Amino acid sequence: MNDFVAPPIDWAAVSPVLIVLAAGVLGVLLEAFVPARARRTTQLTLALVALAGSLVAVALLWDRVQEAAVSVVGGSYLLTPFGLGVQAVIGVCALLGVLVVAERTTTGQDAFAPAAAAVPGTAYEDETRRAGLQQTEIYPLLLFSTGGMLLFPATDDLIVMFVALEVLSLPLYVLCATARRRRLLSQEAAFKYFVLGAFASALFVFGIALVYGFAGTVRLQGVVQVLADPSVSPLGSMPALVVVGLLLVLSGLLFKIGAAPLHAWTPDVYQGAPTPITGFMAACTKAAAMGALVRVLFTLANGLDPATRHDVEVALWAVAILTMLVGTVVGAVQTDVKRLLAYSAIAHAGFLLVGVVGMDEAGSRAVLFYLLAYGLASVGAFAVVTLVRERTVPGDDEAGSGRGPVPDDGVVLGEATRLAQWAGLGRQAPWLTAAFSLFLLSMAGIPLTAGFVAKFGVFSAAVEAGAWPLALLGVLASAVSVFFYVRVIVLMVLTPAPGRENQAASSTASPGAGGERVEGTGGGTATVTGTATRTLVSRTVVTVVGSRGPAAFAIAVCAVGVLLLGIFPAGALDLVGQAAQFRP
């Protein structure tokens, strides 16, 4: 006879996660049954509706969790005000990130390869491009990843947390390999992310094993109870075991937020992944991982003895200092926009760690606001990068044959990510430059932007916790980071666009007989008449492609959000104040 009794489940409490994951499953079915011509519109609509529905569910649960935390299946899903706040941040950033992913620009192409499994440079890849195939599987993968992110900070069970980690990570490994251009770089980035991510997951699992060996449970509250009374531990009093296990668990989480010394994947993956996916990762993955990190730290801090807690705090200090140092110093010498933003993300991970060293409510409040401010600036900044492209055009008639310049063929290539290419962009696209400058100023922490309020919050939380030397180092690191943000703004606004010195000759010709036509090695041609030579010079110019709506809307929303959170932060601070509570 089957004596199994199904546990009661509060489906309303789990609804923010279930809505997104159910939409991901439905998206897989749509791939099989919806005609190709309607598939993209259907998938995009489903993704946007699911993410909006998840935010509505979060709003409906807000008042309920203020009264008491909601525990489902004994803590496998534990919804606290802080967890719900992190879910709200993830939902907002994911919704804006999907809009950037949906952008096709006036070129009619999105950022994704028509067939990601095709070997780069093969005839099959050319055929898929000519056929106009589209990777609509992107949207279910985004939904699955977002579902894992929503679950990540909302569980009291380390095994469920590991499952959530894999659910959010595996789709990202695939998405990083789907770039339309620079295919080999994209696949290399995905492979690096996968290998290093597997290593971080192994550390996480090994840490769980050590914690279980000490406490006999993987529930955080159960571990706290054993820490309070070590005599009930299966192994007796062995605080070193739980400290090592906790540090390994934290290592897996620090990898996801890009903290040093586990940061090496960040610049390569940010550069190689499709730019919309990079923005999605920068905002949402950091929010989810930071939420899980705060939950583990703050919950276990209640049971750690003073000596053990001091050991954990020393480790946090070391990681925060190293992360800020790497992010600011190495970021200052970057010549690629995406790599610069990657090292900026590393520096911001350090600033976030400054806010959590006290492991108190002030730190959780500061972290929540910081995640929202940084998420809006990151999604907006990478959305701008998707619209700044390279275009290869023939140059002028250098020999003065009288025929004038060769017409522009209008072929648009990938993103122009070299910083030198952004010179003079302010004259070509003033509004886009203004938005990008606003996002950079917010990341720098300039007053009247959301970044200033966010940094003030995390540094104040550190000072309240007695970690004023760490806060001082954070202020100094933030001051250094202003240099490379302002450098980009000066380049766009005050530096003239490059002239003909950047033109590269694609072919040359020697004086020859009249009427001879010489083929150049670079695909250009040179017509020689007597001793006069006409050389077509191929040159790469920077152009700003027009948005068809989604990316422009996302940029506008992010810009308005950054300004409002900087000028009128009171409302948002009240909300994060309500959310910054732990009721396990």
Protein backbone atom coordinates (compact mmCIF):
# COMPACT_ATOMS: atom_id res chain seq x y z
CA MET A 1 0.00 0.00 0.00
CA ASN A 2 1.32 3.45 -0.92
CA ASP A 3 1.55 5.60 2.22
CA PHE A 4 2.96 8.63 0.44
CA VAL A 5 1.13 11.84 1.30
CA ALA A 6 1.70 14.74 -1.04
CA PRO A 7 2.83 17.84 0.85
CA PRO A 8 0.60 20.89 0.61
CA ILE A 9 2.04 23.50 -1.74
CA ASP A 10 1.23 27.18 -1.70
CA TRP A 11 1.06 27.67 -5.47
CA ALA A 12 0.47 31.41 -5.17
CA ALA A 13 3.80 31.87 -3.39
CA VAL A 14 5.64 29.97 -6.12
CA SER A 15 3.78 31.74 -8.95
CA PRO A 16 6.55 34.20 -9.95
CA VAL A 17 8.81 31.26 -10.76
CA LEU A 18 6.14 28.93 -12.15
CA ILE A 19 4.81 31.50 -14.61
CA VAL A 20 8.22 31.96 -16.21
CA LEU A 21 9.18 28.28 -16.25
CA ALA A 22 5.77 27.24 -17.62
CA ALA A 23 6.15 29.82 -20.38
CA GLY A 24 9.57 28.36 -21.19
CA VAL A 25 8.06 24.88 -21.56
CA LEU A 26 5.26 26.31 -23.71
CA GLY A 27 7.88 28.09 -25.82
CA VAL A 28 9.55 24.76 -26.59
CA LEU A 29 6.21 23.39 -27.80
CA LEU A 30 5.62 26.49 -29.92
CA GLU A 31 8.93 25.82 -31.67
CA ALA A 32 7.51 22.54 -32.87
CA PHE A 33 3.97 23.54 -33.82
CA VAL A 34 3.89 27.23 -34.79
CA PRO A 35 4.68 28.03 -38.46
CA ALA A 36 8.09 29.59 -39.02
CA ARG A 37 6.67 32.89 -40.30
CA ALA A 38 4.79 33.51 -37.03
CA ARG A 39 7.23 31.88 -34.63
CA ARG A 40 9.32 34.92 -33.70
CA THR A 41 6.32 37.14 -32.94
CA THR A 42 4.66 34.39 -30.92
CA GLN A 43 7.77 33.62 -28.89
CA LEU A 44 8.50 37.28 -28.18
CA THR A 45 4.91 37.92 -27.09
CA LEU A 46 4.96 34.86 -24.83
CA ALA A 47 8.24 35.92 -23.21
CA LEU A 48 7.08 39.47 -22.54
CA VAL A 49 3.70 38.36 -21.19
CA ALA A 50 5.33 35.76 -18.92
CA LEU A 51 7.83 38.23 -17.46
CA ALA A 52 5.12 40.86 -16.99
CA GLY A 53 2.92 38.23 -15.32
CA SER A 54 5.76 37.31 -13.00
CA LEU A 55 6.11 40.95 -11.95
CA VAL A 56 2.37 41.14 -11.30
CA ALA A 57 2.62 38.03 -9.11
CA VAL A 58 5.48 39.65 -7.18
CA ALA A 59 3.35 42.76 -6.62
CA LEU A 60 0.40 40.68 -5.40
CA LEU A 61 2.62 38.84 -2.91
CA TRP A 62 4.29 41.98 -1.57
CA ASP A 63 1.92 42.76 1.30
CA ARG A 64 1.64 39.10 2.26
CA VAL A 65 5.37 38.54 2.85
CA GLN A 66 5.58 41.70 4.96
CA GLU A 67 3.58 39.87 7.60
CA ALA A 68 5.41 36.53 7.54
CA ALA A 69 7.75 34.54 5.34
CA VAL A 70 6.11 31.87 3.18
CA SER A 71 7.67 28.42 3.43
CA VAL A 72 6.85 25.79 0.82
CA VAL A 73 7.76 22.11 1.30
CA GLY A 74 9.71 22.72 4.46
CA GLY A 75 11.85 25.53 3.15
CA SER A 76 12.66 24.17 -0.29
CA TYR A 77 11.06 27.41 -1.40
CA LEU A 78 11.22 30.11 1.27
CA LEU A 79 9.85 33.46 0.20
CA THR A 80 11.05 36.33 2.38
CA PRO A 81 10.70 40.07 1.75
CA PHE A 82 14.32 40.18 0.56
CA GLY A 83 13.85 37.25 -1.80
CA LEU A 84 10.75 38.86 -3.27
CA GLY A 85 12.65 42.12 -3.71
CA VAL A 86 15.41 40.36 -5.64
CA GLN A 87 12.78 38.67 -7.81
CA ALA A 88 11.31 42.08 -8.61
CA VAL A 89 14.72 43.41 -9.69
CA ILE A 90 15.35 40.32 -11.84
CA GLY A 91 11.91 40.61 -13.44
CA VAL A 92 12.37 44.28 -14.38
CA CYS A 93 15.86 43.75 -15.81
CA ALA A 94 14.84 40.58 -17.66
CA LEU A 95 11.86 42.33 -19.24
CA LEU A 96 14.08 45.15 -20.52
CA GLY A 97 16.75 42.65 -21.57
CA VAL A 98 14.29 40.68 -23.71
CA LEU A 99 13.33 43.91 -25.50
CA VAL A 100 16.98 44.41 -26.44
CA VAL A 101 17.22 40.78 -27.57
CA ALA A 102 14.18 41.33 -29.81
CA GLU A 103 15.78 44.31 -31.60
CA ARG A 104 16.35 43.71 -35.32
CA THR A 105 17.40 47.29 -36.22
CA THR A 106 16.82 48.84 -39.63
CA THR A 107 19.16 46.24 -41.15
CA GLY A 108 16.48 43.60 -40.60
CA GLN A 109 18.85 41.35 -38.64
CA ASP A 110 19.04 40.51 -34.97
CA ALA A 111 22.21 39.72 -33.03
CA PHE A 112 21.94 35.94 -33.36
CA ALA A 113 23.26 33.48 -35.92
CA PRO A 114 20.63 31.89 -38.19
CA ALA A 115 21.94 28.46 -37.17
CA ALA A 116 24.11 28.48 -34.07
CA ALA A 117 25.11 24.82 -34.57
CA ALA A 118 26.59 25.52 -38.02
CA VAL A 119 30.38 25.45 -38.25
CA PRO A 120 31.57 29.04 -38.85
CA GLY A 121 32.70 29.74 -42.40
CA THR A 122 31.08 26.67 -43.96
CA ALA A 123 28.74 26.55 -46.94
CA TYR A 124 25.92 25.41 -44.68
CA GLU A 125 26.20 28.57 -42.61
CA ASP A 126 26.05 30.67 -45.79
CA GLU A 127 22.93 28.78 -46.89
CA THR A 128 21.16 29.37 -43.59
CA ARG A 129 21.99 33.06 -43.81
CA ARG A 130 20.66 33.35 -47.36
CA ALA A 131 17.52 31.45 -46.35
CA GLY A 132 16.84 33.99 -43.61
CA LEU A 133 16.54 31.47 -40.79
CA GLN A 134 15.98 32.82 -37.28
CA GLN A 135 16.95 31.46 -33.87
CA THR A 136 13.64 31.78 -32.07
CA GLU A 137 14.80 29.20 -29.50
CA ILE A 138 16.51 32.16 -27.86
CA TYR A 139 13.31 33.14 -26.05
CA PRO A 140 12.56 29.81 -24.29
CA LEU A 141 16.20 29.66 -23.23
CA LEU A 142 15.93 33.15 -21.75
CA LEU A 143 12.78 32.15 -19.89
CA PHE A 144 14.38 29.02 -18.43
CA SER A 145 17.40 31.03 -17.33
CA THR A 146 15.18 33.70 -15.77
CA GLY A 147 13.18 31.02 -13.95
CA GLY A 148 16.37 29.67 -12.40
CA MET A 149 17.36 33.21 -11.39
CA LEU A 150 14.00 33.75 -9.68
CA LEU A 151 14.38 30.51 -7.73
CA PHE A 152 18.03 31.09 -6.80
CA PRO A 153 17.54 33.62 -3.95
CA ALA A 154 14.21 32.15 -2.79
CA THR A 155 15.19 28.82 -1.28
CA ASP A 156 16.47 27.69 2.10
CA ASP A 157 17.76 24.38 0.69
CA LEU A 158 21.32 24.25 -0.67
CA ILE A 159 20.47 21.39 -3.04
CA VAL A 160 17.57 23.34 -4.54
CA MET A 161 19.90 26.33 -4.75
CA PHE A 162 22.35 24.21 -6.75
CA VAL A 163 19.56 23.08 -9.08
CA ALA A 164 18.57 26.72 -9.59
CA LEU A 165 22.21 27.56 -10.31
CA GLU A 166 22.34 24.99 -13.10
CA VAL A 167 18.94 25.97 -14.50
CA LEU A 168 20.05 29.59 -14.85
CA SER A 169 23.55 28.72 -16.11
CA LEU A 170 23.03 26.04 -18.76
CA PRO A 171 20.89 28.21 -21.07
CA LEU A 172 23.43 31.03 -20.75
CA TYR A 173 26.23 28.72 -21.91
CA VAL A 174 24.25 28.06 -25.09
CA LEU A 175 23.18 31.67 -25.60
CA CYS A 176 26.77 32.90 -25.41
CA ALA A 177 27.63 30.81 -28.50
CA THR A 178 24.91 32.23 -30.76
CA ALA A 179 26.41 35.53 -31.99
CA ARG A 180 25.68 36.33 -35.63
CA ARG A 181 29.16 37.71 -36.24
CA ARG A 182 32.54 36.88 -34.72
CA ARG A 183 31.27 33.34 -34.50
CA LEU A 184 34.54 31.75 -33.37
CA LEU A 185 34.95 34.35 -30.63
CA SER A 186 31.40 33.67 -29.50
CA GLN A 187 31.90 29.92 -29.37
CA GLU A 188 35.20 30.35 -27.55
CA ALA A 189 33.47 32.55 -24.97
CA ALA A 190 30.73 29.95 -24.45
CA PHE A 191 33.30 27.17 -24.01
CA LYS A 192 35.27 29.19 -21.45
CA TYR A 193 32.09 30.03 -19.58
CA PHE A 194 31.01 26.39 -19.56
CA VAL A 195 34.34 24.99 -18.35
CA LEU A 196 34.87 27.58 -15.63
CA GLY A 197 31.19 27.44 -14.68
CA ALA A 198 31.43 23.66 -14.25
CA PHE A 199 34.46 24.18 -12.01
CA ALA A 200 32.55 26.72 -9.89
CA SER A 201 29.57 24.35 -9.66
CA ALA A 202 31.90 21.60 -8.43
CA LEU A 203 33.17 23.92 -5.69
CA PHE A 204 29.56 24.70 -4.76
CA VAL A 205 28.61 21.00 -4.52
CA PHE A 206 31.73 20.12 -2.55
CA GLY A 207 30.91 22.93 -0.13
CA ILE A 208 27.38 21.55 0.27
CA ALA A 209 28.86 18.12 1.05
CA LEU A 210 31.06 19.55 3.80
CA VAL A 211 28.19 21.53 5.31
CA TYR A 212 26.02 18.40 5.25
CA GLY A 213 28.81 16.40 6.85
CA PHE A 214 28.90 18.86 9.72
CA ALA A 215 25.18 19.52 10.19
CA GLY A 216 23.48 16.43 8.77
CA THR A 217 21.16 18.70 6.75
CA VAL A 218 21.30 20.98 3.71
CA ARG A 219 18.62 23.36 4.98
CA LEU A 220 20.14 26.64 6.04
CA GLN A 221 17.94 26.91 9.12
CA GLY A 222 18.93 23.39 10.12
CA VAL A 223 22.59 24.31 9.79
CA VAL A 224 22.01 27.36 12.02
CA GLN A 225 20.46 25.15 14.69
CA VAL A 226 23.43 22.79 14.64
CA LEU A 227 25.82 25.74 14.82
CA ALA A 228 23.98 26.97 17.89
CA ASP A 229 24.30 23.53 19.52
CA PRO A 230 27.32 21.67 17.99
CA SER A 231 26.70 18.69 20.26
CA VAL A 232 23.93 17.48 17.91
CA SER A 233 26.31 17.48 14.92
CA PRO A 234 27.02 13.98 13.52
CA LEU A 235 30.74 14.81 13.66
CA GLY A 236 30.77 16.73 16.93
CA SER A 237 32.27 20.17 17.25
CA MET A 238 34.20 20.78 14.02
CA PRO A 239 33.77 24.49 13.16
CA ALA A 240 36.64 24.32 10.62
CA LEU A 241 34.58 21.92 8.51
CA VAL A 242 31.58 24.22 8.23
CA VAL A 243 33.83 27.24 7.59
CA VAL A 244 35.56 25.50 4.67
CA GLY A 245 32.20 24.28 3.36
CA LEU A 246 30.71 27.75 3.63
CA LEU A 247 33.68 29.31 1.82
CA LEU A 248 33.35 26.79 -1.02
CA VAL A 249 29.63 27.50 -1.34
CA LEU A 250 30.41 31.21 -1.40
CA SER A 251 33.08 30.60 -4.06
CA GLY A 252 30.46 29.19 -6.40
CA LEU A 253 28.28 32.25 -5.80
CA LEU A 254 31.20 34.69 -6.14
CA PHE A 255 31.96 33.17 -9.54
CA LYS A 256 28.49 34.10 -10.78
CA ILE A 257 28.80 37.72 -9.68
CA GLY A 258 32.28 37.99 -11.24
CA ALA A 259 34.27 38.62 -8.06
CA ALA A 260 38.05 38.21 -8.04
CA PRO A 261 39.88 35.85 -8.12
CA LEU A 262 37.00 34.02 -9.85
CA HIS A 263 36.52 36.80 -12.41
CA ALA A 264 38.66 35.56 -15.32
CA TRP A 265 35.67 34.47 -17.40
CA THR A 266 33.95 37.84 -17.28
CA PRO A 267 35.83 39.95 -19.89
CA ASP A 268 36.10 37.12 -22.44
CA VAL A 269 32.45 36.07 -22.11
CA TYR A 270 31.15 39.65 -22.12
CA GLN A 271 33.16 40.37 -25.28
CA GLY A 272 32.31 37.18 -27.19
CA ALA A 273 28.64 36.73 -26.31
CA PRO A 274 25.92 38.45 -28.36
CA THR A 275 25.68 41.95 -26.92
CA PRO A 276 21.99 41.66 -25.85
CA ILE A 277 22.85 38.49 -23.94
CA THR A 278 25.79 40.26 -22.33
CA GLY A 279 23.46 42.96 -21.03
CA PHE A 280 21.00 40.34 -19.80
CA MET A 281 23.76 38.49 -17.93
CA ALA A 282 25.31 41.64 -16.49
CA ALA A 283 22.05 42.72 -14.87
CA CYS A 284 20.07 39.58 -14.09
CA THR A 285 22.76 37.03 -13.24
CA LYS A 286 24.47 39.44 -10.86
CA ALA A 287 21.16 40.19 -9.13
CA ALA A 288 20.28 36.51 -8.72
CA ALA A 289 23.73 35.45 -7.51
CA MET A 290 24.00 38.39 -5.13
CA GLY A 291 20.57 37.59 -3.73
CA ALA A 292 21.60 33.98 -3.08
CA LEU A 293 24.91 35.13 -1.57
CA VAL A 294 23.13 37.47 0.84
CA ARG A 295 20.66 34.76 1.83
CA VAL A 296 23.40 32.24 2.64
CA LEU A 297 25.60 34.75 4.46
CA PHE A 298 22.92 36.49 6.48
CA THR A 299 21.12 33.30 7.47
CA LEU A 300 24.21 31.46 8.65
CA ALA A 301 25.56 34.58 10.38
CA ASN A 302 22.87 34.07 13.02
CA GLY A 303 24.48 30.81 14.09
CA LEU A 304 28.20 31.48 13.68
CA ASP A 305 30.25 32.00 16.81
CA PRO A 306 32.30 35.24 16.95
CA ALA A 307 35.56 33.55 15.90
CA THR A 308 34.01 31.78 12.90
CA ARG A 309 32.12 34.89 11.86
CA HIS A 310 35.37 36.84 12.00
CA ASP A 311 37.00 34.30 9.64
CA VAL A 312 34.17 34.73 7.13
CA GLU A 313 34.36 38.52 7.38
CA VAL A 314 38.12 38.46 6.75
CA ALA A 315 37.53 36.40 3.61
CA LEU A 316 34.86 38.87 2.44
CA TRP A 317 37.19 41.81 3.05
CA ALA A 318 39.95 40.17 1.01
CA VAL A 319 37.65 39.33 -1.89
CA ALA A 320 36.05 42.79 -1.91
CA ILE A 321 39.41 44.58 -1.94
CA LEU A 322 40.86 42.35 -4.65
CA THR A 323 37.72 42.65 -6.77
CA MET A 324 37.65 46.44 -6.61
CA LEU A 325 41.37 46.59 -7.37
CA VAL A 326 41.17 44.33 -10.42
CA GLY A 327 38.03 45.96 -11.78
CA THR A 328 39.28 49.54 -11.57
CA VAL A 329 42.98 49.14 -12.43
CA VAL A 330 42.61 46.71 -15.33
CA GLY A 331 39.47 48.44 -16.56
CA ALA A 332 41.37 51.72 -16.91
CA VAL A 333 43.58 50.31 -19.70
CA GLN A 334 40.89 48.61 -21.81
CA THR A 335 40.49 49.56 -25.47
CA ASP A 336 37.30 47.59 -26.15
CA VAL A 337 33.92 48.90 -24.99
CA LYS A 338 32.53 45.50 -24.00
CA ARG A 339 35.66 44.52 -22.10
CA LEU A 340 35.62 47.90 -20.36
CA LEU A 341 32.04 47.27 -19.25
CA ALA A 342 33.08 43.77 -18.16
CA TYR A 343 35.78 45.11 -15.84
CA SER A 344 33.28 47.70 -14.69
CA ALA A 345 30.98 44.80 -13.72
CA ILE A 346 33.84 43.26 -11.74
CA ALA A 347 34.41 46.54 -9.89
CA HIS A 348 30.70 46.79 -9.10
CA ALA A 349 30.79 43.27 -7.69
CA GLY A 350 33.42 44.55 -5.28
CA PHE A 351 31.26 47.52 -4.31
CA LEU A 352 28.35 45.17 -3.63
CA LEU A 353 30.54 43.03 -1.37
CA VAL A 354 31.47 46.16 0.59
CA GLY A 355 27.79 46.53 1.45
CA VAL A 356 27.34 42.98 2.77
CA VAL A 357 30.36 42.66 5.08
CA GLY A 358 28.24 43.75 8.04
CA MET A 359 25.63 41.03 7.35
CA ASP A 360 22.82 43.24 8.63
CA GLU A 361 19.59 44.78 7.39
CA ALA A 362 21.29 48.02 6.31
CA GLY A 363 23.52 46.01 4.00
CA SER A 364 20.64 44.10 2.44
CA ARG A 365 18.76 47.35 1.82
CA ALA A 366 21.79 48.92 0.14
CA VAL A 367 22.42 45.83 -1.99
CA LEU A 368 18.84 45.73 -3.29
CA PHE A 369 18.91 49.35 -4.42
CA TYR A 370 22.38 48.88 -5.93
CA LEU A 371 21.24 45.87 -7.95
CA LEU A 372 18.34 47.84 -9.41
CA ALA A 373 20.46 50.89 -10.24
CA TYR A 374 23.27 48.86 -11.77
CA GLY A 375 20.85 46.61 -13.66
CA LEU A 376 19.14 49.54 -15.39
CA ALA A 377 22.48 51.13 -16.34
CA SER A 378 23.91 47.84 -17.66
CA VAL A 379 20.94 46.88 -19.82
CA GLY A 380 20.82 50.41 -21.24
CA ALA A 381 24.57 50.58 -21.91
CA PHE A 382 24.71 47.27 -23.77
CA ALA A 383 21.57 48.23 -25.70
CA VAL A 384 23.44 51.29 -26.96
CA VAL A 385 26.42 49.13 -27.97
CA THR A 386 24.14 46.99 -30.16
CA LEU A 387 23.26 50.04 -32.26
CA VAL A 388 26.82 51.28 -32.92
CA ARG A 389 28.03 49.24 -35.89
CA GLU A 390 30.84 48.97 -38.40
CA ARG A 391 30.27 49.45 -42.12
CA THR A 392 32.82 48.68 -44.80
CA VAL A 393 32.58 51.02 -47.79
CA PRO A 394 34.74 51.78 -50.81
CA GLY A 395 36.79 54.95 -50.54
CA ASP A 396 37.56 57.85 -52.84
CA ASP A 397 39.43 57.83 -56.12
CA GLU A 398 42.93 58.50 -54.83
CA ALA A 399 44.59 59.05 -58.24
CA GLY A 400 42.40 61.97 -59.19
CA SER A 401 40.86 60.34 -62.24
CA GLY A 402 37.95 62.73 -62.00
CA ARG A 403 35.35 60.08 -61.37
CA GLY A 404 34.77 61.12 -57.73
CA PRO A 405 34.05 58.91 -54.76
CA VAL A 406 32.65 55.44 -55.14
CA PRO A 407 29.07 55.18 -53.80
CA ASP A 408 28.41 53.71 -50.37
CA ASP A 409 27.23 50.09 -50.62
CA GLY A 410 25.49 50.27 -47.23
CA VAL A 411 26.77 46.91 -45.92
CA VAL A 412 26.48 46.95 -42.10
CA LEU A 413 28.70 44.61 -40.10
CA GLY A 414 28.97 43.85 -36.37
CA GLU A 415 29.27 46.16 -33.39
CA ALA A 416 32.05 48.74 -33.38
CA THR A 417 33.53 47.88 -30.02
CA ARG A 418 36.99 49.43 -30.29
CA LEU A 419 37.05 52.61 -28.25
CA ALA A 420 38.84 54.54 -31.00
CA GLN A 421 35.83 53.95 -33.25
CA TRP A 422 33.55 55.83 -30.86
CA ALA A 423 35.38 59.12 -31.41
CA GLY A 424 33.00 61.84 -32.58
CA LEU A 425 29.91 59.69 -32.02
CA GLY A 426 28.20 62.62 -30.30
CA ARG A 427 27.88 64.49 -33.60
CA GLN A 428 26.42 61.49 -35.40
CA ALA A 429 23.94 60.37 -32.72
CA PRO A 430 23.60 63.00 -29.97
CA TRP A 431 20.64 61.43 -28.16
CA LEU A 432 22.21 57.98 -28.11
CA THR A 433 25.47 59.49 -26.88
CA ALA A 434 23.61 61.36 -24.14
CA ALA A 435 21.94 58.14 -22.98
CA PHE A 436 25.21 56.19 -22.97
CA SER A 437 26.94 59.02 -21.11
CA LEU A 438 24.16 58.95 -18.51
CA PHE A 439 24.63 55.21 -17.96
CA LEU A 440 28.39 55.63 -17.60
CA LEU A 441 27.97 58.51 -15.15
CA SER A 442 25.60 56.38 -13.09
CA MET A 443 28.14 53.55 -13.00
CA ALA A 444 30.75 56.10 -11.91
CA GLY A 445 28.51 57.24 -9.06
CA ILE A 446 28.08 60.85 -10.14
CA PRO A 447 25.41 62.79 -8.15
CA LEU A 448 21.86 63.04 -9.53
CA THR A 449 22.13 59.52 -10.94
CA ALA A 450 21.00 56.24 -9.42
CA GLY A 451 24.60 55.08 -9.11
CA PHE A 452 25.43 57.84 -6.64
CA VAL A 453 22.60 56.87 -4.30
CA ALA A 454 23.51 53.19 -4.66
CA LYS A 455 27.19 53.68 -3.84
CA PHE A 456 26.37 56.00 -0.97
CA GLY A 457 24.14 53.26 0.41
CA VAL A 458 26.67 50.42 0.31
CA PHE A 459 29.49 52.57 1.72
CA SER A 460 27.21 53.85 4.50
CA ALA A 461 26.22 50.28 5.36
CA ALA A 462 29.89 49.33 5.63
CA VAL A 463 30.59 52.31 7.90
CA GLU A 464 27.63 51.41 10.16
CA ALA A 465 29.04 47.88 10.44
CA GLY A 466 32.43 49.24 11.54
CA ALA A 467 34.14 48.47 8.23
CA TRP A 468 35.05 52.09 7.52
CA PRO A 469 38.52 51.20 6.10
CA LEU A 470 36.82 49.03 3.50
CA ALA A 471 34.35 51.81 2.71
CA LEU A 472 37.27 54.23 2.30
CA LEU A 473 38.96 51.87 -0.13
CA GLY A 474 35.67 51.61 -2.00
CA VAL A 475 35.44 55.37 -2.32
CA LEU A 476 39.01 55.53 -3.66
CA ALA A 477 38.33 52.72 -6.13
CA SER A 478 35.16 54.47 -7.26
CA ALA A 479 37.15 57.67 -7.82
CA VAL A 480 39.65 55.78 -9.99
CA SER A 481 36.84 54.20 -12.01
CA VAL A 482 35.54 57.67 -12.90
CA PHE A 483 38.61 58.04 -15.12
CA PHE A 484 37.73 55.35 -17.65
CA TYR A 485 34.05 56.26 -17.70
CA VAL A 486 34.75 59.93 -18.36
CA ARG A 487 37.41 58.96 -20.91
CA VAL A 488 34.72 57.34 -23.05
CA ILE A 489 32.45 60.38 -22.74
CA VAL A 490 35.27 62.73 -23.75
CA LEU A 491 36.05 60.47 -26.70
CA MET A 492 32.45 60.55 -27.91
CA VAL A 493 31.76 64.25 -27.35
CA LEU A 494 35.02 66.18 -27.63
CA THR A 495 37.22 64.05 -29.89
CA PRO A 496 36.75 64.47 -33.66
CA ALA A 497 35.90 61.42 -35.72
CA PRO A 498 38.87 59.68 -37.37
CA GLY A 499 39.64 60.80 -40.91
CA ARG A 500 41.24 59.18 -43.86
CA GLU A 501 44.23 58.01 -41.86
CA ASN A 502 42.18 54.98 -40.82
CA GLN A 503 41.53 53.92 -44.37
CA ALA A 504 43.19 50.68 -45.34
CA ALA A 505 44.18 50.09 -48.93
CA SER A 506 42.62 46.92 -50.20
CA SER A 507 44.55 46.86 -53.44
CA THR A 508 47.49 48.51 -55.13
CA ALA A 509 48.58 48.83 -58.70
CA SER A 510 51.83 49.61 -60.49
CA PRO A 511 52.06 51.79 -63.58
CA GLY A 512 51.29 49.73 -66.62
CA ALA A 513 49.85 49.80 -70.09
CA GLY A 514 46.69 51.75 -70.83
CA GLY A 515 43.40 50.08 -70.12
CA GLU A 516 44.87 47.30 -67.93
CA ARG A 517 42.62 46.23 -65.03
CA VAL A 518 44.43 44.86 -61.97
CA GLU A 519 42.65 42.73 -59.30
CA GLY A 520 43.61 43.53 -55.71
CA THR A 521 44.19 40.92 -53.04
CA GLY A 522 41.65 42.52 -50.75
CA GLY A 523 38.78 42.30 -53.18
CA GLY A 524 39.18 45.82 -54.59
CA THR A 525 40.27 46.70 -58.10
CA ALA A 526 42.57 49.26 -59.61
CA THR A 527 42.18 50.63 -63.12
CA VAL A 528 45.45 51.80 -64.73
CA THR A 529 45.42 54.27 -67.62
CA GLY A 530 48.92 55.05 -68.87
CA THR A 531 50.93 56.06 -65.82
CA ALA A 532 47.87 57.19 -63.87
CA THR A 533 46.53 54.73 -61.33
CA ARG A 534 43.04 54.66 -59.87
CA THR A 535 42.95 52.76 -56.56
CA LEU A 536 39.79 51.94 -54.74
CA VAL A 537 40.47 52.18 -51.02
CA SER A 538 38.36 50.06 -48.67
CA ARG A 539 37.65 51.70 -45.36
CA THR A 540 35.64 50.89 -42.27
CA VAL A 541 33.36 53.58 -40.95
CA VAL A 542 31.18 53.67 -37.86
CA THR A 543 27.46 54.05 -38.24
CA VAL A 544 24.55 54.13 -35.81
CA VAL A 545 21.79 51.88 -37.07
CA GLY A 546 18.21 52.80 -36.40
CA SER A 547 16.14 50.92 -33.87
CA ARG A 548 12.80 49.45 -34.86
CA GLY A 549 11.46 50.18 -31.41
CA PRO A 550 12.33 47.56 -28.77
CA ALA A 551 15.92 48.65 -28.05
CA ALA A 552 15.06 52.35 -28.23
CA PHE A 553 12.22 51.82 -25.77
CA ALA A 554 14.49 49.85 -23.42
CA ILE A 555 17.17 52.56 -23.57
CA ALA A 556 14.59 55.27 -22.84
CA VAL A 557 13.13 53.35 -19.87
CA CYS A 558 16.60 52.67 -18.45
CA ALA A 559 17.62 56.33 -18.86
CA VAL A 560 14.46 57.58 -17.17
CA GLY A 561 14.88 55.03 -14.39
CA VAL A 562 18.50 56.02 -13.75
CA LEU A 563 17.50 59.69 -13.53
CA LEU A 564 14.43 59.17 -11.35
CA LEU A 565 16.28 56.91 -8.93
CA GLY A 566 19.00 59.53 -8.67
CA ILE A 567 16.81 62.62 -8.29
CA PHE A 568 13.78 61.16 -6.47
CA PRO A 569 15.03 57.99 -4.75
CA ALA A 570 12.67 58.17 -1.76
CA GLY A 571 9.97 55.90 -3.17
CA ALA A 572 12.39 53.19 -4.25
CA LEU A 573 14.26 53.43 -0.95
CA ASP A 574 11.00 52.90 0.93
CA LEU A 575 10.29 49.77 -1.10
CA VAL A 576 13.77 48.30 -0.64
CA GLY A 577 13.49 49.16 3.04
CA GLN A 578 10.38 46.97 3.22
CA ALA A 579 12.13 44.23 1.26
CA ALA A 580 15.39 44.25 3.24
CA GLN A 581 14.05 41.98 5.97
CA PHE A 582 14.87 38.37 6.75
CA ARG A 583 12.18 36.24 8.29
CA PRO A 584 13.39 32.69 7.83
